[in-house]
Amino acid sequence: MKRGSDYRKKGYTYSFDMLGEAALTAKDAQKYFNDYMSAIEFTGNFQDPKAKGPRPSISIKLSALHPRYEVGQEHRVMTELYDRVLTLIQKARSLNVAITVDAEEMDRLEMSLHLFEKLIRSEACQGWGGFGLVVQAYSKRALPVLAWLNALAREVGNIIPVRLVKGAYWDSEIKLCQQRGLSGYPVYTRKEATDVSYLACARFLLSESVRGNIWPQFASHNAHTVASILTLASHRDFEFQRLHGMGDALYDRVLTQSGVTVRIYAPVGSHKDLLPYLVRRLLENGANSSFVHRLVDARCPISELVQHPWTTLNSRQTLHNPNIPLPSAIFHDRKNSFSPNIEIESEWLPFRDSVQSFFTKRWSAQALINGQPHSGLPSHAVIAPHNHSIQVGEVSFANAELVALAITAAQEGYETWKTTSAHTRADALRRLGDLLEENLAELVALCHLEAGKTIQDAIDEVREAVDFCRYYANEAERISDAPMMLKDIDGHARPWQRQGRGIIVCISLGTSRWQFSWVKSPPLW
């Protein structure tokens, strides 16, 4: 507070961000809770008679307040985390210190909105107008979220402060979607698309239908964005925000010429906690396409700096970035395995219903020889490890006679299979991968019931089997198409060819259920 006194005299105010990453333990969460509580008390009790402008506020991160801030633990979030944030709100309101909930990864968006709605409807928030949240414009759901918040504010009769930012987790959002094999990206893949989204959100926030319901807080260091907002605005019921140490010259002018409040977002914490924060800021503002980077680049003409982002976006051949393929197409030679996003309701609810439709099924497993089922040893029940009242199905293990029959069948089939081309074998393996993916819901249900796996673990297990099938199919074709010349002992190159190794017995112990489906499929060689 003392370090910011000079800015406070100019008319700036602050939002203090108590630095801290996601809590991994209850001890971590308690520490961050204590830090937030201390910050609220200090900010509320600090008096600076020379300060101008609104009182400083505090920014909190929900993931720092609970070690299981995740969709799979939403019940605990809506009870344990709710109580913890409510305590902070009650203390903050008693000292007239506004609280803003920082935005985090897109997978947590819906859960954070559920929690925010429950909190804003609580008695502690009624008639206050000091509890708000952050919306990220790079999200494809940014404008719908703002519309929802406007309707919520109107319904509860409470002003909701909303800080509009462009977003700080873009790189991780893209990579996580690719790694998880999702159907698309929750964020825009072009920087100018995010800029257009920001201006569209700003236009909405400045509209008369929103005025009095939401208090807009525009966070940006882009002079074009700031000028656009001042041009769009027909009133001054909003504020700007900037990061500590950035945008001084720009916002000194805004503060003196426009009369709009400017709030400085200032990190508070140890050097250890500061590093992750600075990395995010570096990624956000240090990219070649960022306004801050281009502003100090002498090679960047002024005409580009002042160009409207829609003009730039509209000049592209595609609205999406073609250099960022969809998650299904990240591999140049094969399709990535697919996973529904169980963190968002629009994908999770139909997938959950599909998985649960198999919960009453009773599977039967027995030896499969030459495509025909064979019973061996007497069948015994397979019981779910997490609930012994659930019978998943029954299994009949092979006896010695069936093992001999399987070896004989393999020997007979080998005579034909060894002359089958690698391309035909590879196609069969790809088809197996496709069938696994097409039956994802049933296989997930089976993994969940038989092995007690979580839904996400079960999805990942099936995906791994699918990836194995597609990868090794490609490898078989690559090896078979490679030139097969080998230098003999006398130095002469001689042609050679691969052929089958014969009958192989594979014993899989302690492996994932579907991970070795590619081993049990017809061998490539």
Protein backbone atom coordinates (compact mmCIF):
# COMPACT_ATOMS: atom_id res chain seq x y z
CA MET A 1 0.00 0.00 0.00
CA LYS A 2 2.83 2.37 0.83
CA ARG A 3 4.60 1.61 -2.46
CA GLY A 4 1.46 2.50 -4.33
CA SER A 5 0.80 5.76 -2.51
CA ASP A 6 2.23 7.90 -5.33
CA TYR A 7 -0.13 6.30 -7.82
CA ARG A 8 -3.02 6.65 -5.39
CA LYS A 9 -2.34 10.38 -5.19
CA LYS A 10 -2.66 10.56 -8.99
CA GLY A 11 -6.08 8.93 -8.80
CA TYR A 12 -5.18 5.30 -9.49
CA THR A 13 -6.55 2.52 -7.32
CA TYR A 14 -5.43 -1.10 -6.92
CA SER A 15 -6.51 -4.70 -7.11
CA PHE A 16 -4.09 -6.81 -5.11
CA ASP A 17 -3.48 -10.37 -6.30
CA MET A 18 -2.17 -12.56 -3.49
CA LEU A 19 0.08 -14.80 -5.55
CA GLY A 20 -0.31 -18.53 -5.24
CA GLU A 21 -0.75 -21.46 -7.55
CA ALA A 22 -3.29 -24.25 -7.19
CA ALA A 23 -3.33 -25.80 -3.72
CA LEU A 24 -2.15 -29.41 -3.72
CA THR A 25 -2.94 -30.14 -0.08
CA ALA A 26 -5.33 -28.93 2.59
CA LYS A 27 -2.34 -27.26 4.24
CA ASP A 28 -1.67 -25.27 1.06
CA ALA A 29 -5.31 -24.21 0.87
CA GLN A 30 -5.31 -23.07 4.50
CA LYS A 31 -2.17 -21.02 3.93
CA TYR A 32 -3.68 -19.23 0.93
CA PHE A 33 -6.92 -18.68 2.83
CA ASN A 34 -4.98 -17.06 5.65
CA ASP A 35 -3.08 -14.91 3.14
CA TYR A 36 -6.33 -13.72 1.55
CA MET A 37 -7.87 -12.99 4.94
CA SER A 38 -4.80 -11.02 6.04
CA ALA A 39 -4.81 -9.05 2.78
CA ILE A 40 -8.49 -8.18 3.19
CA GLU A 41 -7.97 -7.03 6.77
CA PHE A 42 -4.88 -4.98 5.94
CA THR A 43 -6.46 -3.37 2.87
CA GLY A 44 -9.67 -2.58 4.73
CA ASN A 45 -7.92 -1.06 7.74
CA PHE A 46 -5.25 0.89 5.85
CA GLN A 47 -5.90 4.61 5.72
CA ASP A 48 -4.28 6.99 3.23
CA PRO A 49 -5.80 10.48 3.54
CA LYS A 50 -4.09 11.65 0.33
CA ALA A 51 -5.40 8.77 -1.79
CA LYS A 52 -7.87 9.51 -4.56
CA GLY A 53 -10.29 7.23 -6.39
CA PRO A 54 -12.16 4.10 -5.26
CA ARG A 55 -10.86 1.80 -2.54
CA PRO A 56 -8.47 -1.01 -3.50
CA SER A 57 -9.82 -4.53 -4.00
CA ILE A 58 -8.52 -8.09 -3.67
CA SER A 59 -8.30 -10.81 -6.35
CA ILE A 60 -8.59 -14.45 -5.32
CA LYS A 61 -7.96 -17.71 -7.12
CA LEU A 62 -10.40 -20.53 -6.36
CA SER A 63 -7.87 -23.29 -7.09
CA ALA A 64 -5.68 -21.88 -4.30
CA LEU A 65 -8.47 -22.35 -1.75
CA HIS A 66 -9.22 -26.04 -2.25
CA PRO A 67 -6.93 -28.94 -3.23
CA ARG A 68 -9.72 -30.67 -5.18
CA TYR A 69 -11.05 -27.79 -7.23
CA GLU A 70 -12.07 -30.01 -10.12
CA VAL A 71 -15.28 -31.06 -11.84
CA GLY A 72 -15.09 -34.59 -10.47
CA GLN A 73 -15.29 -33.13 -6.95
CA GLU A 74 -17.99 -30.54 -7.62
CA HIS A 75 -19.97 -31.57 -4.54
CA ARG A 76 -17.02 -30.65 -2.32
CA VAL A 77 -16.49 -27.46 -4.29
CA MET A 78 -20.10 -26.41 -3.78
CA THR A 79 -19.93 -27.07 -0.03
CA GLU A 80 -16.39 -26.86 1.35
CA LEU A 81 -15.04 -24.25 -1.07
CA TYR A 82 -18.32 -22.34 -0.93
CA ASP A 83 -18.03 -22.00 2.85
CA ARG A 84 -14.44 -20.84 2.58
CA VAL A 85 -15.13 -18.16 -0.04
CA LEU A 86 -18.26 -17.07 1.83
CA THR A 87 -16.13 -16.39 4.91
CA LEU A 88 -13.83 -14.18 2.84
CA ILE A 89 -16.83 -12.34 1.38
CA GLN A 90 -18.29 -11.66 4.82
CA LYS A 91 -15.00 -10.26 6.09
CA ALA A 92 -14.44 -8.22 2.91
CA ARG A 93 -17.91 -6.70 3.01
CA SER A 94 -17.51 -5.71 6.64
CA LEU A 95 -14.38 -3.75 5.65
CA ASN A 96 -15.72 -2.54 2.26
CA VAL A 97 -13.06 -4.39 0.25
CA ALA A 98 -14.30 -5.73 -3.09
CA ILE A 99 -13.36 -9.28 -4.14
CA THR A 100 -12.79 -10.49 -7.70
CA VAL A 101 -12.59 -14.19 -8.59
CA ASP A 102 -9.77 -14.72 -11.08
CA ALA A 103 -10.37 -16.77 -14.22
CA GLU A 104 -8.56 -20.07 -14.67
CA GLU A 105 -8.59 -22.93 -17.20
CA MET A 106 -11.62 -23.35 -19.47
CA ASP A 107 -12.42 -26.81 -18.06
CA ARG A 108 -13.28 -25.14 -14.76
CA LEU A 109 -15.46 -22.41 -16.24
CA GLU A 110 -18.87 -24.04 -15.77
CA MET A 111 -18.05 -25.19 -12.24
CA SER A 112 -16.80 -21.71 -11.32
CA LEU A 113 -20.04 -20.17 -12.63
CA HIS A 114 -22.12 -22.61 -10.57
CA LEU A 115 -20.16 -21.63 -7.47
CA PHE A 116 -20.33 -17.92 -8.29
CA GLU A 117 -24.10 -18.09 -8.73
CA LYS A 118 -24.55 -19.78 -5.37
CA LEU A 119 -22.36 -17.15 -3.70
CA ILE A 120 -23.97 -14.13 -5.37
CA ARG A 121 -27.39 -15.40 -4.26
CA SER A 122 -26.22 -15.69 -0.65
CA GLU A 123 -27.31 -13.19 1.97
CA ALA A 124 -23.70 -12.04 2.34
CA CYS A 125 -23.73 -10.57 -1.18
CA GLN A 126 -27.22 -9.09 -1.29
CA GLY A 127 -27.12 -5.36 -2.01
CA TRP A 128 -23.32 -5.17 -1.85
CA GLY A 129 -22.04 -4.98 -5.43
CA GLY A 130 -18.49 -5.84 -4.39
CA PHE A 131 -18.25 -9.47 -5.50
CA GLY A 132 -17.20 -9.99 -9.10
CA LEU A 133 -15.28 -12.24 -11.44
CA VAL A 134 -13.02 -12.30 -14.48
CA VAL A 135 -14.14 -13.22 -18.01
CA GLN A 136 -11.56 -14.17 -20.66
CA ALA A 137 -12.24 -12.86 -24.16
CA TYR A 138 -10.21 -15.58 -25.88
CA SER A 139 -12.90 -18.02 -24.78
CA LYS A 140 -15.50 -18.87 -27.41
CA ARG A 141 -18.04 -18.76 -24.57
CA ALA A 142 -17.11 -15.25 -23.37
CA LEU A 143 -20.13 -13.41 -24.80
CA PRO A 144 -22.69 -16.04 -23.66
CA VAL A 145 -21.14 -15.92 -20.17
CA LEU A 146 -21.55 -12.13 -20.07
CA ALA A 147 -25.17 -12.44 -21.19
CA TRP A 148 -25.76 -14.99 -18.42
CA LEU A 149 -24.12 -12.73 -15.82
CA ASN A 150 -26.27 -9.80 -16.94
CA ALA A 151 -29.43 -11.86 -16.51
CA LEU A 152 -28.21 -13.12 -13.13
CA ALA A 153 -27.44 -9.59 -11.90
CA ARG A 154 -30.86 -8.38 -13.00
CA GLU A 155 -32.54 -11.31 -11.25
CA VAL A 156 -30.76 -10.94 -7.90
CA GLY A 157 -30.82 -7.13 -8.02
CA ASN A 158 -27.09 -6.88 -7.47
CA ILE A 159 -24.37 -5.13 -9.47
CA ILE A 160 -21.66 -7.60 -10.53
CA PRO A 161 -18.17 -6.21 -11.25
CA VAL A 162 -16.72 -8.01 -14.30
CA ARG A 163 -13.08 -7.73 -15.29
CA LEU A 164 -12.72 -8.41 -19.02
CA VAL A 165 -9.28 -9.75 -19.96
CA LYS A 166 -7.97 -11.37 -23.11
CA GLY A 167 -6.70 -14.52 -21.37
CA ALA A 168 -3.48 -15.90 -19.94
CA TYR A 169 -3.63 -19.68 -20.43
CA TRP A 170 -3.77 -19.89 -24.23
CA ASP A 171 -0.75 -22.16 -24.74
CA SER A 172 -1.82 -24.71 -22.14
CA GLU A 173 -5.43 -24.67 -23.39
CA ILE A 174 -4.26 -25.61 -26.89
CA LYS A 175 -1.82 -28.31 -25.79
CA LEU A 176 -4.22 -29.92 -23.31
CA CYS A 177 -6.92 -30.23 -25.96
CA GLN A 178 -4.44 -31.84 -28.34
CA GLN A 179 -3.11 -34.23 -25.71
CA ARG A 180 -6.62 -35.23 -24.64
CA GLY A 181 -7.93 -35.72 -28.18
CA LEU A 182 -10.90 -33.37 -27.80
CA SER A 183 -13.16 -32.40 -30.68
CA GLY A 184 -12.01 -28.77 -30.79
CA TYR A 185 -10.57 -25.83 -28.87
CA PRO A 186 -12.41 -23.69 -26.30
CA VAL A 187 -10.32 -20.65 -27.27
CA TYR A 188 -9.72 -18.77 -30.51
CA THR A 189 -6.62 -19.80 -32.43
CA ARG A 190 -5.90 -16.38 -33.92
CA LYS A 191 -4.81 -13.40 -31.82
CA GLU A 192 -6.92 -11.01 -33.89
CA ALA A 193 -9.98 -13.20 -33.25
CA THR A 194 -9.44 -12.69 -29.52
CA ASP A 195 -9.14 -8.93 -30.09
CA VAL A 196 -12.41 -8.91 -32.04
CA SER A 197 -14.07 -10.96 -29.31
CA TYR A 198 -12.82 -8.48 -26.71
CA LEU A 199 -14.37 -5.55 -28.57
CA ALA A 200 -17.64 -7.44 -29.07
CA CYS A 201 -17.76 -8.17 -25.34
CA ALA A 202 -16.92 -4.54 -24.58
CA ARG A 203 -19.75 -3.32 -26.81
CA PHE A 204 -22.15 -5.59 -24.94
CA LEU A 205 -20.90 -4.48 -21.51
CA LEU A 206 -21.30 -0.81 -22.46
CA SER A 207 -24.84 -1.25 -23.79
CA GLU A 208 -27.82 0.25 -21.98
CA SER A 209 -29.29 -3.21 -21.35
CA VAL A 210 -26.27 -4.01 -19.16
CA ARG A 211 -25.76 -0.65 -17.48
CA GLY A 212 -26.68 -0.89 -13.81
CA ASN A 213 -26.37 -4.68 -13.77
CA ILE A 214 -22.66 -5.13 -14.45
CA TRP A 215 -19.77 -2.82 -13.58
CA PRO A 216 -17.34 -3.31 -16.52
CA GLN A 217 -13.62 -3.40 -15.77
CA PHE A 218 -11.59 -3.38 -19.00
CA ALA A 219 -8.09 -4.81 -18.57
CA SER A 220 -5.85 -4.16 -21.57
CA HIS A 221 -2.54 -2.57 -22.57
CA ASN A 222 -3.58 -2.27 -26.21
CA ALA A 223 -3.96 1.42 -27.07
CA HIS A 224 -6.30 0.55 -29.95
CA THR A 225 -8.54 -1.41 -27.58
CA VAL A 226 -8.56 1.42 -25.03
CA ALA A 227 -9.39 4.00 -27.70
CA SER A 228 -12.15 1.77 -29.08
CA ILE A 229 -13.75 1.42 -25.65
CA LEU A 230 -13.68 5.17 -25.05
CA THR A 231 -15.27 5.67 -28.47
CA LEU A 232 -17.95 3.02 -27.90
CA ALA A 233 -18.89 4.29 -24.45
CA SER A 234 -21.82 6.69 -24.14
CA HIS A 235 -21.28 6.91 -20.36
CA ARG A 236 -18.48 6.58 -17.83
CA ASP A 237 -19.90 3.78 -15.66
CA PHE A 238 -16.85 1.56 -16.07
CA GLU A 239 -13.15 1.44 -15.29
CA PHE A 240 -9.87 0.39 -16.90
CA GLN A 241 -7.31 -1.94 -15.38
CA ARG A 242 -3.64 -2.47 -16.10
CA LEU A 243 -0.81 -4.58 -14.74
CA HIS A 244 1.65 -3.14 -12.27
CA GLY A 245 4.68 -1.84 -14.19
CA MET A 246 2.96 -1.74 -17.58
CA GLY A 247 1.01 0.89 -19.51
CA ASP A 248 1.99 3.88 -17.38
CA ALA A 249 2.17 6.39 -20.24
CA LEU A 250 -1.06 5.16 -21.81
CA TYR A 251 -3.11 5.22 -18.65
CA ASP A 252 -1.68 8.46 -17.27
CA ARG A 253 -3.27 10.09 -20.30
CA VAL A 254 -6.51 8.10 -19.93
CA LEU A 255 -6.76 9.10 -16.27
CA THR A 256 -6.26 12.81 -16.91
CA GLN A 257 -8.19 13.18 -20.17
CA SER A 258 -11.16 10.82 -19.80
CA GLY A 259 -11.89 10.89 -16.10
CA VAL A 260 -12.33 7.10 -16.08
CA THR A 261 -11.07 5.19 -13.04
CA VAL A 262 -7.91 3.15 -13.63
CA ARG A 263 -7.14 0.21 -11.33
CA ILE A 264 -3.64 -1.31 -11.15
CA TYR A 265 -3.52 -5.09 -10.89
CA ALA A 266 -0.59 -5.71 -8.54
CA PRO A 267 0.86 -9.11 -7.57
CA VAL A 268 1.76 -9.58 -3.91
CA GLY A 269 3.86 -12.48 -2.67
CA SER A 270 7.27 -14.11 -2.47
CA HIS A 271 9.69 -14.51 -5.37
CA LYS A 272 8.83 -18.22 -5.52
CA ASP A 273 5.16 -17.43 -6.08
CA LEU A 274 5.97 -14.56 -8.43
CA LEU A 275 7.77 -16.69 -11.04
CA PRO A 276 4.72 -18.59 -12.42
CA TYR A 277 2.81 -15.30 -12.53
CA LEU A 278 5.57 -13.59 -14.52
CA VAL A 279 5.77 -16.52 -16.94
CA ARG A 280 2.05 -16.17 -17.71
CA ARG A 281 2.43 -12.43 -18.21
CA LEU A 282 5.44 -13.04 -20.48
CA LEU A 283 3.48 -15.49 -22.61
CA GLU A 284 0.50 -13.16 -22.71
CA ASN A 285 2.34 -9.94 -23.59
CA GLY A 286 5.60 -11.19 -25.08
CA ALA A 287 4.17 -12.98 -28.10
CA ASN A 288 5.12 -11.55 -31.48
CA SER A 289 1.47 -10.77 -32.19
CA SER A 290 0.85 -8.83 -28.96
CA PHE A 291 0.37 -5.06 -29.07
CA VAL A 292 3.04 -4.50 -26.41
CA HIS A 293 5.62 -6.44 -28.45
CA ARG A 294 4.78 -4.71 -31.73
CA LEU A 295 4.75 -1.28 -30.09
CA VAL A 296 8.49 -1.47 -29.33
CA ASP A 297 9.33 -3.10 -32.67
CA ALA A 298 10.77 -0.37 -34.91
CA ARG A 299 10.00 -2.51 -37.97
CA CYS A 300 6.26 -2.48 -37.26
CA PRO A 301 4.57 0.41 -39.13
CA ILE A 302 2.04 2.59 -37.33
CA SER A 303 -0.60 1.58 -39.89
CA GLU A 304 -0.46 -1.98 -38.55
CA LEU A 305 -0.64 -0.86 -34.93
CA VAL A 306 -3.84 1.11 -35.51
CA GLN A 307 -5.48 -1.41 -37.85
CA HIS A 308 -8.80 -2.71 -36.56
CA PRO A 309 -8.50 -6.41 -35.59
CA TRP A 310 -11.61 -7.23 -37.63
CA THR A 311 -9.86 -5.91 -40.75
CA THR A 312 -6.91 -8.17 -40.02
CA LEU A 313 -9.11 -11.18 -39.25
CA ASN A 314 -11.30 -10.66 -42.30
CA SER A 315 -8.23 -10.56 -44.55
CA ARG A 316 -7.30 -14.11 -43.56
CA GLN A 317 -8.32 -17.00 -45.78
CA THR A 318 -9.74 -18.78 -42.73
CA LEU A 319 -11.03 -17.49 -39.40
CA HIS A 320 -9.14 -20.27 -37.63
CA ASN A 321 -5.36 -20.62 -37.69
CA PRO A 322 -4.51 -23.36 -40.24
CA ASN A 323 -1.14 -23.85 -38.53
CA ILE A 324 -2.95 -25.16 -35.47
CA PRO A 325 -4.73 -28.35 -36.57
CA LEU A 326 -7.67 -29.74 -34.68
CA PRO A 327 -6.72 -32.19 -31.90
CA SER A 328 -7.76 -35.13 -34.10
CA ALA A 329 -5.26 -34.09 -36.80
CA ILE A 330 -2.09 -33.26 -34.83
CA PHE A 331 -0.24 -36.31 -36.20
CA HIS A 332 0.82 -36.07 -39.83
CA ASP A 333 0.35 -39.77 -40.57
CA ARG A 334 -2.51 -40.94 -38.37
CA LYS A 335 -5.63 -39.80 -36.59
CA ASN A 336 -5.39 -38.94 -32.91
CA SER A 337 -7.61 -40.97 -30.59
CA PHE A 338 -10.78 -39.19 -29.49
CA SER A 339 -12.04 -38.29 -26.04
CA PRO A 340 -15.18 -36.44 -25.02
CA ASN A 341 -14.57 -33.52 -22.68
CA ILE A 342 -16.18 -34.70 -19.46
CA GLU A 343 -15.47 -31.33 -17.83
CA ILE A 344 -18.25 -29.56 -19.75
CA GLU A 345 -21.91 -30.49 -19.45
CA SER A 346 -22.78 -30.41 -23.16
CA GLU A 347 -20.39 -33.32 -23.78
CA TRP A 348 -20.36 -35.01 -20.39
CA LEU A 349 -24.11 -35.49 -19.88
CA PRO A 350 -24.82 -37.41 -23.12
CA PHE A 351 -21.63 -39.45 -22.70
CA ARG A 352 -22.51 -40.22 -19.08
CA ASP A 353 -25.96 -41.42 -20.14
CA SER A 354 -24.39 -43.61 -22.82
CA VAL A 355 -21.93 -45.14 -20.34
CA GLN A 356 -24.61 -45.70 -17.72
CA SER A 357 -26.80 -47.50 -20.24
CA PHE A 358 -24.29 -50.39 -20.02
CA PHE A 359 -24.26 -50.55 -16.21
CA THR A 360 -26.98 -53.20 -16.20
CA LYS A 361 -25.29 -55.33 -18.85
CA ARG A 362 -23.68 -58.62 -17.81
CA TRP A 363 -20.65 -59.47 -19.90
CA SER A 364 -19.52 -63.03 -20.58
CA ALA A 365 -15.89 -63.78 -21.42
CA GLN A 366 -14.46 -67.04 -22.76
CA ALA A 367 -11.84 -68.30 -25.17
CA LEU A 368 -12.25 -67.15 -28.78
CA ILE A 369 -10.68 -69.55 -31.30
CA ASN A 370 -11.10 -69.13 -35.04
CA GLY A 371 -13.79 -66.56 -34.34
CA GLN A 372 -15.87 -69.00 -32.27
CA PRO A 373 -16.41 -68.87 -28.47
CA HIS A 374 -15.36 -71.92 -26.45
CA SER A 375 -16.07 -72.70 -22.81
CA GLY A 376 -13.24 -74.20 -20.81
CA LEU A 377 -13.09 -74.21 -17.04
CA PRO A 378 -16.33 -73.68 -15.08
CA SER A 379 -17.52 -70.07 -15.17
CA HIS A 380 -17.18 -67.83 -12.14
CA ALA A 381 -18.64 -64.43 -11.38
CA VAL A 382 -16.70 -61.18 -11.87
CA ILE A 383 -17.50 -58.72 -9.09
CA ALA A 384 -16.93 -54.95 -9.15
CA PRO A 385 -14.02 -54.19 -6.77
CA HIS A 386 -15.62 -50.98 -5.49
CA ASN A 387 -19.06 -52.53 -4.85
CA HIS A 388 -19.27 -56.25 -4.19
CA SER A 389 -23.02 -56.24 -4.74
CA ILE A 390 -22.48 -55.59 -8.46
CA GLN A 391 -21.81 -58.57 -10.71
CA VAL A 392 -20.11 -57.33 -13.86
CA GLY A 393 -20.41 -60.67 -15.62
CA GLU A 394 -18.79 -64.08 -15.71
CA VAL A 395 -15.63 -65.59 -17.16
CA SER A 396 -14.65 -69.08 -18.26
CA PHE A 397 -10.88 -69.53 -18.47
CA ALA A 398 -9.34 -71.82 -21.06
CA ASN A 399 -8.26 -75.34 -20.10
CA ALA A 400 -5.39 -77.37 -21.56
CA GLU A 401 -7.55 -78.71 -24.40
CA LEU A 402 -8.52 -75.22 -25.53
CA VAL A 403 -4.90 -74.07 -25.40
CA ALA A 404 -3.93 -76.95 -27.69
CA LEU A 405 -6.84 -76.17 -30.00
CA ALA A 406 -5.79 -72.50 -30.17
CA ILE A 407 -2.19 -73.42 -31.07
CA THR A 408 -3.37 -75.79 -33.78
CA ALA A 409 -5.68 -73.14 -35.22
CA ALA A 410 -2.84 -70.60 -35.14
CA GLN A 411 -0.53 -72.98 -36.99
CA GLU A 412 -3.13 -73.59 -39.68
CA GLY A 413 -3.89 -69.90 -40.05
CA TYR A 414 -0.22 -68.98 -40.19
CA GLU A 415 0.21 -70.57 -43.60
CA THR A 416 -2.22 -68.05 -45.07
CA TRP A 417 -1.40 -65.12 -42.80
CA LYS A 418 2.34 -65.13 -43.55
CA THR A 419 1.64 -64.37 -47.21
CA THR A 420 -0.79 -61.56 -46.40
CA SER A 421 0.64 -58.14 -47.27
CA ALA A 422 1.64 -55.71 -44.55
CA HIS A 423 -0.88 -53.20 -45.90
CA THR A 424 -3.74 -55.67 -45.41
CA ARG A 425 -2.58 -56.46 -41.90
CA ALA A 426 -2.21 -52.75 -41.12
CA ASP A 427 -5.73 -52.05 -42.35
CA ALA A 428 -7.04 -54.77 -40.04
CA LEU A 429 -5.23 -53.17 -37.11
CA ARG A 430 -6.63 -49.74 -37.97
CA ARG A 431 -10.10 -51.22 -38.17
CA LEU A 432 -9.62 -52.64 -34.69
CA GLY A 433 -8.67 -49.18 -33.42
CA ASP A 434 -11.75 -47.68 -35.07
CA LEU A 435 -14.00 -50.32 -33.49
CA LEU A 436 -12.56 -49.63 -30.06
CA GLU A 437 -13.27 -45.94 -30.53
CA GLU A 438 -16.78 -46.54 -31.85
CA ASN A 439 -17.57 -48.59 -28.74
CA LEU A 440 -15.91 -46.18 -26.32
CA ALA A 441 -18.91 -45.84 -24.00
CA GLU A 442 -19.30 -49.60 -23.46
CA LEU A 443 -15.57 -50.14 -22.95
CA VAL A 444 -15.44 -47.26 -20.45
CA ALA A 445 -18.38 -48.79 -18.57
CA LEU A 446 -16.59 -52.16 -18.48
CA CYS A 447 -13.31 -50.63 -17.23
CA HIS A 448 -15.21 -48.68 -14.61
CA LEU A 449 -17.17 -51.66 -13.32
CA GLU A 450 -14.58 -54.42 -13.63
CA ALA A 451 -11.47 -52.50 -12.53
CA GLY A 452 -12.99 -49.65 -10.52
CA LYS A 453 -11.36 -47.04 -12.73
CA THR A 454 -12.54 -43.45 -12.82
CA ILE A 455 -14.30 -42.41 -16.01
CA GLN A 456 -11.35 -40.33 -17.21
CA ASP A 457 -8.87 -43.14 -16.49
CA ALA A 458 -11.09 -45.56 -18.40
CA ILE A 459 -11.28 -43.18 -21.37
CA ASP A 460 -7.50 -42.79 -21.35
CA GLU A 461 -7.02 -46.56 -21.30
CA VAL A 462 -9.19 -47.08 -24.36
CA ARG A 463 -7.50 -44.16 -26.12
CA GLU A 464 -4.09 -45.71 -25.50
CA ALA A 465 -5.21 -48.95 -27.14
CA VAL A 466 -6.58 -47.00 -30.13
CA ASP A 467 -3.31 -45.09 -30.49
CA PHE A 468 -1.32 -48.34 -30.32
CA CYS A 469 -3.36 -49.84 -33.15
CA ARG A 470 -2.96 -46.83 -35.43
CA TYR A 471 0.70 -46.23 -34.63
CA TYR A 472 1.85 -49.81 -35.19
CA ALA A 473 -0.24 -50.12 -38.35
CA ASN A 474 1.70 -47.19 -39.77
CA GLU A 475 5.00 -48.60 -38.56
CA ALA A 476 4.29 -51.92 -40.31
CA GLU A 477 3.66 -50.16 -43.60
CA ARG A 478 6.71 -47.95 -43.18
CA ILE A 479 8.98 -50.93 -42.58
CA SER A 480 7.50 -52.97 -45.42
CA ASP A 481 7.87 -50.08 -47.89
CA ALA A 482 11.48 -49.37 -46.93
CA PRO A 483 14.23 -50.56 -49.33
CA MET A 484 15.34 -54.00 -48.23
CA MET A 485 18.98 -54.26 -49.28
CA LEU A 486 21.65 -55.60 -46.95
CA LYS A 487 25.40 -55.65 -47.44
CA ASP A 488 26.80 -59.14 -47.26
CA ILE A 489 30.12 -60.07 -45.64
CA ASP A 490 31.85 -59.56 -48.99
CA GLY A 491 30.47 -56.00 -49.25
CA HIS A 492 27.92 -56.73 -51.95
CA ALA A 493 24.38 -55.44 -51.51
CA ARG A 494 21.85 -58.22 -51.57
CA PRO A 495 18.06 -58.03 -51.44
CA TRP A 496 16.32 -59.47 -48.42
CA GLN A 497 12.79 -59.78 -47.19
CA ARG A 498 10.97 -60.07 -43.89
CA GLN A 499 8.82 -63.03 -43.09
CA GLY A 500 6.74 -64.23 -40.21
CA ARG A 501 8.48 -65.53 -37.10
CA GLY A 502 5.93 -68.25 -36.57
CA ILE A 503 3.51 -68.84 -33.71
CA ILE A 504 4.08 -66.64 -30.65
CA VAL A 505 2.53 -67.09 -27.23
CA CYS A 506 1.87 -63.78 -25.45
CA ILE A 507 1.36 -63.78 -21.67
CA SER A 508 0.08 -60.40 -20.46
CA LEU A 509 0.33 -59.94 -16.71
CA GLY A 510 -0.77 -56.90 -14.73
CA THR A 511 -1.40 -54.74 -17.79
CA SER A 512 -4.21 -52.39 -18.63
CA ARG A 513 -7.31 -54.12 -19.91
CA TRP A 514 -7.22 -52.69 -23.43
CA GLN A 515 -3.59 -51.63 -23.66
CA PHE A 516 -2.54 -54.98 -25.09
CA SER A 517 -5.41 -55.41 -27.51
CA TRP A 518 -2.93 -54.74 -30.30
CA VAL A 519 -0.79 -57.64 -29.07
CA LYS A 520 -3.76 -59.98 -29.06
CA SER A 521 -4.79 -58.88 -32.54
CA PRO A 522 -3.27 -60.70 -35.55
CA PRO A 523 0.50 -60.08 -35.42
CA LEU A 524 1.96 -57.93 -38.16
CA TRP A 525 4.93 -60.22 -38.73
